């Protein structure tokens, strides 16, 4: 995933409208084009993201409890998702840069100097 795709998805996520229903429940409409673009850019399933963006699952031993999130909890969760993806991408790019600097470039230069 490129950094431009990630930044573009963040911008589209900013246009997503999260509605509040009864009893502090939240939902994202299926007709929201910004949300579908966000999901396609990150290559994630839109229906699953729509479900788990507004719900959370708590496992306690053998019991599983699903609860809905209010609007504030959804916003905190979104920030967490964005930062997690962003840091993962930055780590990959940094690791690749270190790999190129420490392995490939010195070996290439050694080959040039040996001639």
N, C-alpha and C. Protein backbone atom coordinates (compact mmCIF):
# COMPACT_ATOMS: atom_id res chain seq x y z
N UNK A 1 0.85 -1.17 0.00
CA UNK A 1 0.00 0.00 0.00
C UNK A 1 0.90 1.24 0.00
N UNK A 2 0.56 2.16 -0.85
CA UNK A 2 1.37 3.37 -0.92
C UNK A 2 0.87 4.38 0.10
N UNK A 3 1.73 5.31 0.41
CA UNK A 3 1.35 6.35 1.37
C UNK A 3 0.26 7.25 0.80
N UNK A 4 0.23 7.39 -0.53
CA UNK A 4 -0.79 8.21 -1.16
C UNK A 4 -2.17 7.57 -1.06
N UNK A 5 -2.21 6.24 -1.17
CA UNK A 5 -3.49 5.53 -1.01
C UNK A 5 -3.99 5.69 0.43
N UNK A 6 -3.08 5.59 1.38
CA UNK A 6 -3.47 5.75 2.78
C UNK A 6 -3.97 7.16 3.05
N UNK A 7 -3.26 8.16 2.58
CA UNK A 7 -3.69 9.53 2.79
C UNK A 7 -5.01 9.82 2.09
N UNK A 8 -5.20 9.28 0.91
CA UNK A 8 -6.47 9.45 0.20
C UNK A 8 -7.61 8.80 0.96
N UNK A 9 -7.37 7.61 1.52
CA UNK A 9 -8.43 6.95 2.29
C UNK A 9 -8.78 7.75 3.54
N UNK A 10 -7.79 8.36 4.18
CA UNK A 10 -8.06 9.19 5.35
C UNK A 10 -8.92 10.38 4.97
N UNK A 11 -8.63 10.98 3.83
CA UNK A 11 -9.43 12.12 3.38
C UNK A 11 -10.86 11.70 3.07
N UNK A 12 -11.04 10.54 2.46
CA UNK A 12 -12.40 10.05 2.19
C UNK A 12 -13.12 9.69 3.49
N UNK A 13 -12.39 9.17 4.45
CA UNK A 13 -13.00 8.83 5.73
C UNK A 13 -13.52 10.08 6.43
N UNK A 14 -12.86 11.20 6.21
CA UNK A 14 -13.33 12.45 6.79
C UNK A 14 -14.67 12.90 6.24
N UNK A 15 -15.04 12.41 5.05
CA UNK A 15 -16.33 12.76 4.45
C UNK A 15 -17.45 11.78 4.80
N UNK A 16 -17.13 10.72 5.51
CA UNK A 16 -18.14 9.72 5.88
C UNK A 16 -19.07 10.30 6.94
N UNK A 17 -20.35 10.09 6.74
CA UNK A 17 -21.35 10.56 7.70
C UNK A 17 -21.75 9.39 8.59
N UNK A 18 -21.47 9.52 9.87
CA UNK A 18 -21.86 8.51 10.85
C UNK A 18 -23.09 9.04 11.56
N UNK A 19 -24.21 8.34 11.39
CA UNK A 19 -25.48 8.78 11.96
C UNK A 19 -25.71 8.12 13.31
N UNK A 20 -26.43 8.84 14.16
CA UNK A 20 -26.83 8.28 15.45
C UNK A 20 -28.28 7.84 15.37
N UNK A 21 -28.52 6.64 15.85
CA UNK A 21 -29.88 6.13 15.90
C UNK A 21 -30.44 6.25 17.30
N UNK A 22 -31.41 5.40 17.60
CA UNK A 22 -32.01 5.38 18.93
C UNK A 22 -31.05 4.76 19.94
N UNK A 23 -31.16 5.16 21.18
CA UNK A 23 -30.37 4.60 22.29
C UNK A 23 -28.86 4.70 22.05
N UNK A 24 -28.41 5.81 21.49
CA UNK A 24 -26.99 6.07 21.25
C UNK A 24 -26.32 5.03 20.36
N UNK A 25 -27.04 4.45 19.43
CA UNK A 25 -26.43 3.55 18.46
C UNK A 25 -25.97 4.36 17.27
N UNK A 26 -25.02 3.84 16.54
CA UNK A 26 -24.48 4.54 15.37
C UNK A 26 -24.53 3.61 14.16
N UNK A 27 -24.55 4.22 12.98
CA UNK A 27 -24.54 3.44 11.75
C UNK A 27 -24.04 4.30 10.60
N UNK A 28 -23.56 3.61 9.57
CA UNK A 28 -23.12 4.26 8.34
C UNK A 28 -24.04 3.77 7.23
N UNK A 29 -24.63 4.68 6.48
CA UNK A 29 -25.56 4.30 5.42
C UNK A 29 -24.82 3.57 4.30
N UNK A 30 -25.52 2.62 3.68
CA UNK A 30 -24.93 1.86 2.58
C UNK A 30 -24.71 2.73 1.35
N UNK A 31 -25.44 3.81 1.24
CA UNK A 31 -25.33 4.69 0.07
C UNK A 31 -24.20 5.71 0.19
N UNK A 32 -23.44 5.66 1.26
CA UNK A 32 -22.36 6.63 1.47
C UNK A 32 -21.18 6.30 0.54
N UNK A 33 -20.98 7.14 -0.48
CA UNK A 33 -19.93 6.89 -1.47
C UNK A 33 -18.53 7.06 -0.87
N UNK A 34 -18.38 8.00 0.05
CA UNK A 34 -17.07 8.21 0.67
C UNK A 34 -16.64 6.98 1.45
N UNK A 35 -17.59 6.33 2.11
CA UNK A 35 -17.27 5.14 2.88
C UNK A 35 -16.86 3.98 1.97
N UNK A 36 -17.58 3.79 0.86
CA UNK A 36 -17.21 2.71 -0.05
C UNK A 36 -15.86 2.98 -0.71
N UNK A 37 -15.55 4.25 -1.00
CA UNK A 37 -14.24 4.60 -1.55
C UNK A 37 -13.14 4.35 -0.52
N UNK A 38 -13.40 4.72 0.73
CA UNK A 38 -12.46 4.47 1.83
C UNK A 38 -12.14 2.98 1.92
N UNK A 39 -13.17 2.15 1.89
CA UNK A 39 -12.97 0.70 2.01
C UNK A 39 -12.23 0.12 0.80
N UNK A 40 -12.55 0.61 -0.39
CA UNK A 40 -11.88 0.09 -1.57
C UNK A 40 -10.41 0.50 -1.61
N UNK A 41 -10.09 1.69 -1.13
CA UNK A 41 -8.69 2.12 -1.10
C UNK A 41 -7.87 1.29 -0.13
N UNK A 42 -8.45 0.92 1.00
CA UNK A 42 -7.74 0.10 1.98
C UNK A 42 -7.90 -1.39 1.72
N UNK A 43 -8.69 -1.73 0.70
CA UNK A 43 -8.95 -3.13 0.32
C UNK A 43 -9.54 -3.92 1.48
N UNK A 44 -10.59 -3.36 2.08
CA UNK A 44 -11.30 -4.05 3.15
C UNK A 44 -12.77 -4.18 2.76
N UNK A 45 -13.45 -5.17 3.31
CA UNK A 45 -14.85 -5.42 3.02
C UNK A 45 -15.71 -4.33 3.65
N UNK A 46 -16.53 -3.66 2.83
CA UNK A 46 -17.32 -2.53 3.31
C UNK A 46 -18.38 -2.96 4.32
N UNK A 47 -19.02 -4.10 4.11
CA UNK A 47 -20.07 -4.55 5.04
C UNK A 47 -19.49 -4.89 6.41
N UNK A 48 -18.36 -5.57 6.42
CA UNK A 48 -17.73 -5.91 7.71
C UNK A 48 -17.24 -4.64 8.41
N UNK A 49 -16.67 -3.72 7.64
CA UNK A 49 -16.19 -2.47 8.24
C UNK A 49 -17.35 -1.66 8.79
N UNK A 50 -18.47 -1.64 8.04
CA UNK A 50 -19.66 -0.91 8.50
C UNK A 50 -20.19 -1.51 9.81
N UNK A 51 -20.15 -2.83 9.90
CA UNK A 51 -20.63 -3.50 11.11
C UNK A 51 -19.70 -3.25 12.29
N UNK A 52 -18.40 -3.47 12.10
CA UNK A 52 -17.48 -3.41 13.23
C UNK A 52 -16.98 -2.01 13.52
N UNK A 53 -17.31 -1.06 12.67
CA UNK A 53 -17.03 0.34 12.98
C UNK A 53 -17.96 0.84 14.08
N UNK A 54 -19.18 0.32 14.10
CA UNK A 54 -20.19 0.79 15.05
C UNK A 54 -20.47 -0.21 16.16
N UNK A 55 -19.76 -1.33 16.21
CA UNK A 55 -19.95 -2.35 17.23
C UNK A 55 -18.60 -2.81 17.75
N UNK A 56 -18.61 -3.42 18.91
CA UNK A 56 -17.39 -4.05 19.41
C UNK A 56 -17.75 -5.40 20.02
N UNK A 57 -16.79 -6.30 19.99
CA UNK A 57 -16.99 -7.65 20.50
C UNK A 57 -16.04 -7.84 21.67
N UNK A 58 -16.59 -8.28 22.79
CA UNK A 58 -15.79 -8.55 23.98
C UNK A 58 -15.89 -10.04 24.27
N UNK A 59 -14.72 -10.69 24.37
CA UNK A 59 -14.68 -12.12 24.70
C UNK A 59 -14.24 -12.27 26.15
N UNK A 60 -15.05 -12.95 26.92
CA UNK A 60 -14.71 -13.23 28.32
C UNK A 60 -14.87 -14.73 28.54
N UNK A 61 -13.77 -15.44 28.48
CA UNK A 61 -13.83 -16.89 28.63
C UNK A 61 -14.56 -17.51 27.45
N UNK A 62 -15.65 -18.20 27.72
CA UNK A 62 -16.43 -18.84 26.65
C UNK A 62 -17.55 -17.93 26.15
N UNK A 63 -17.77 -16.83 26.83
CA UNK A 63 -18.88 -15.94 26.48
C UNK A 63 -18.40 -14.81 25.56
N UNK A 64 -19.22 -14.49 24.55
CA UNK A 64 -18.93 -13.41 23.62
C UNK A 64 -20.08 -12.41 23.69
N UNK A 65 -19.73 -11.13 23.92
CA UNK A 65 -20.73 -10.09 24.04
C UNK A 65 -20.49 -9.04 22.96
N UNK A 66 -21.52 -8.77 22.16
CA UNK A 66 -21.45 -7.71 21.15
C UNK A 66 -22.19 -6.50 21.67
N UNK A 67 -21.54 -5.33 21.62
CA UNK A 67 -22.18 -4.10 22.07
C UNK A 67 -22.04 -3.04 20.98
N UNK A 68 -22.97 -2.11 20.97
CA UNK A 68 -22.89 -1.02 20.01
C UNK A 68 -22.12 0.14 20.62
N UNK A 69 -21.50 0.92 19.76
CA UNK A 69 -20.71 2.06 20.21
C UNK A 69 -21.49 3.35 19.98
N UNK A 70 -21.30 4.31 20.87
CA UNK A 70 -21.90 5.62 20.63
C UNK A 70 -20.99 6.42 19.71
N UNK A 71 -21.40 7.61 19.35
CA UNK A 71 -20.66 8.40 18.36
C UNK A 71 -19.24 8.73 18.82
N UNK A 72 -19.05 9.08 20.07
CA UNK A 72 -17.71 9.40 20.58
C UNK A 72 -16.79 8.19 20.54
N UNK A 73 -17.30 7.03 20.89
CA UNK A 73 -16.49 5.82 20.86
C UNK A 73 -16.10 5.45 19.43
N UNK A 74 -17.00 5.68 18.47
CA UNK A 74 -16.69 5.40 17.07
C UNK A 74 -15.57 6.31 16.60
N UNK A 75 -15.61 7.58 16.96
CA UNK A 75 -14.57 8.51 16.53
C UNK A 75 -13.20 8.14 17.10
N UNK A 76 -13.17 7.72 18.36
CA UNK A 76 -11.90 7.28 18.96
C UNK A 76 -11.39 6.03 18.25
N UNK A 77 -12.29 5.12 17.92
CA UNK A 77 -11.92 3.90 17.21
C UNK A 77 -11.38 4.23 15.82
N UNK A 78 -11.97 5.19 15.14
CA UNK A 78 -11.48 5.60 13.82
C UNK A 78 -10.07 6.15 13.90
N UNK A 79 -9.82 6.96 14.88
CA UNK A 79 -8.48 7.51 15.05
C UNK A 79 -7.48 6.38 15.28
N UNK A 80 -7.86 5.40 16.08
CA UNK A 80 -7.00 4.25 16.34
C UNK A 80 -6.70 3.48 15.06
N UNK A 81 -7.73 3.25 14.23
CA UNK A 81 -7.54 2.52 12.97
C UNK A 81 -6.58 3.27 12.06
N UNK A 82 -6.80 4.55 11.92
CA UNK A 82 -5.96 5.36 11.03
C UNK A 82 -4.52 5.34 11.49
N UNK A 83 -4.30 5.57 12.76
CA UNK A 83 -2.93 5.61 13.27
C UNK A 83 -2.25 4.25 13.16
N UNK A 84 -2.99 3.19 13.39
CA UNK A 84 -2.42 1.85 13.29
C UNK A 84 -1.96 1.57 11.86
N UNK A 85 -2.81 1.87 10.88
CA UNK A 85 -2.45 1.66 9.47
C UNK A 85 -1.27 2.55 9.07
N UNK A 86 -1.30 3.79 9.53
CA UNK A 86 -0.26 4.74 9.17
C UNK A 86 1.09 4.29 9.73
N UNK A 87 1.13 3.91 11.00
CA UNK A 87 2.39 3.46 11.59
C UNK A 87 2.90 2.18 10.94
N UNK A 88 1.99 1.29 10.56
CA UNK A 88 2.39 0.07 9.89
C UNK A 88 3.04 0.37 8.55
N UNK A 89 2.46 1.30 7.80
CA UNK A 89 3.02 1.68 6.52
C UNK A 89 4.37 2.36 6.69
N UNK A 90 4.47 3.27 7.64
CA UNK A 90 5.74 3.97 7.89
C UNK A 90 6.82 2.97 8.29
N UNK A 91 6.48 1.99 9.13
CA UNK A 91 7.46 0.98 9.54
C UNK A 91 7.94 0.18 8.34
N UNK A 92 7.01 -0.20 7.44
CA UNK A 92 7.42 -0.95 6.25
C UNK A 92 8.35 -0.13 5.37
N UNK A 93 8.00 1.13 5.16
CA UNK A 93 8.84 1.98 4.33
C UNK A 93 10.22 2.19 4.95
N UNK A 94 10.27 2.38 6.27
CA UNK A 94 11.53 2.56 6.97
C UNK A 94 12.37 1.29 6.90
N UNK A 95 11.73 0.14 7.09
CA UNK A 95 12.46 -1.14 7.03
C UNK A 95 13.02 -1.37 5.64
N UNK A 96 12.26 -1.05 4.62
CA UNK A 96 12.73 -1.21 3.25
C UNK A 96 13.91 -0.28 2.97
N UNK A 97 13.83 0.94 3.45
CA UNK A 97 14.92 1.89 3.24
C UNK A 97 16.19 1.41 3.94
N UNK A 98 16.06 0.91 5.17
CA UNK A 98 17.23 0.40 5.89
C UNK A 98 17.81 -0.82 5.19
N UNK A 99 16.95 -1.67 4.66
CA UNK A 99 17.42 -2.85 3.93
C UNK A 99 18.20 -2.44 2.70
N UNK A 100 17.68 -1.48 1.98
CA UNK A 100 18.37 -1.01 0.77
C UNK A 100 19.70 -0.35 1.11
N UNK A 101 19.73 0.45 2.15
CA UNK A 101 20.96 1.15 2.51
C UNK A 101 22.03 0.21 3.04
N UNK A 102 21.63 -0.79 3.79
CA UNK A 102 22.62 -1.63 4.47
C UNK A 102 23.03 -2.87 3.69
N UNK A 103 22.22 -3.32 2.76
CA UNK A 103 22.56 -4.56 2.06
C UNK A 103 22.85 -4.32 0.59
N UNK A 104 21.89 -3.78 -0.11
CA UNK A 104 22.02 -3.71 -1.56
C UNK A 104 22.99 -2.63 -2.03
N UNK A 105 22.92 -1.47 -1.46
CA UNK A 105 23.79 -0.39 -1.93
C UNK A 105 25.26 -0.66 -1.62
N UNK A 106 25.63 -1.08 -0.40
CA UNK A 106 27.05 -1.39 -0.17
C UNK A 106 27.56 -2.53 -1.07
N UNK A 107 26.75 -3.56 -1.28
CA UNK A 107 27.16 -4.67 -2.15
C UNK A 107 27.34 -4.19 -3.58
N UNK A 108 26.48 -3.31 -4.02
CA UNK A 108 26.59 -2.76 -5.37
C UNK A 108 27.87 -1.92 -5.50
N UNK A 109 28.14 -1.12 -4.49
CA UNK A 109 29.35 -0.28 -4.52
C UNK A 109 30.61 -1.13 -4.45
N UNK A 110 30.57 -2.21 -3.64
CA UNK A 110 31.73 -3.10 -3.56
C UNK A 110 32.00 -3.72 -4.93
N UNK A 111 30.96 -4.08 -5.65
CA UNK A 111 31.13 -4.65 -6.98
C UNK A 111 31.73 -3.65 -7.95
N UNK A 112 31.39 -2.40 -7.82
CA UNK A 112 31.96 -1.37 -8.68
C UNK A 112 33.42 -1.12 -8.37
N UNK A 113 33.76 -1.14 -7.07
CA UNK A 113 35.13 -0.86 -6.67
C UNK A 113 36.08 -2.01 -6.98
N UNK A 114 35.55 -3.22 -7.05
CA UNK A 114 36.39 -4.40 -7.33
C UNK A 114 36.85 -4.44 -8.78
N UNK A 115 36.16 -3.79 -9.67
CA UNK A 115 36.49 -3.87 -11.11
C UNK A 115 37.74 -3.13 -11.44
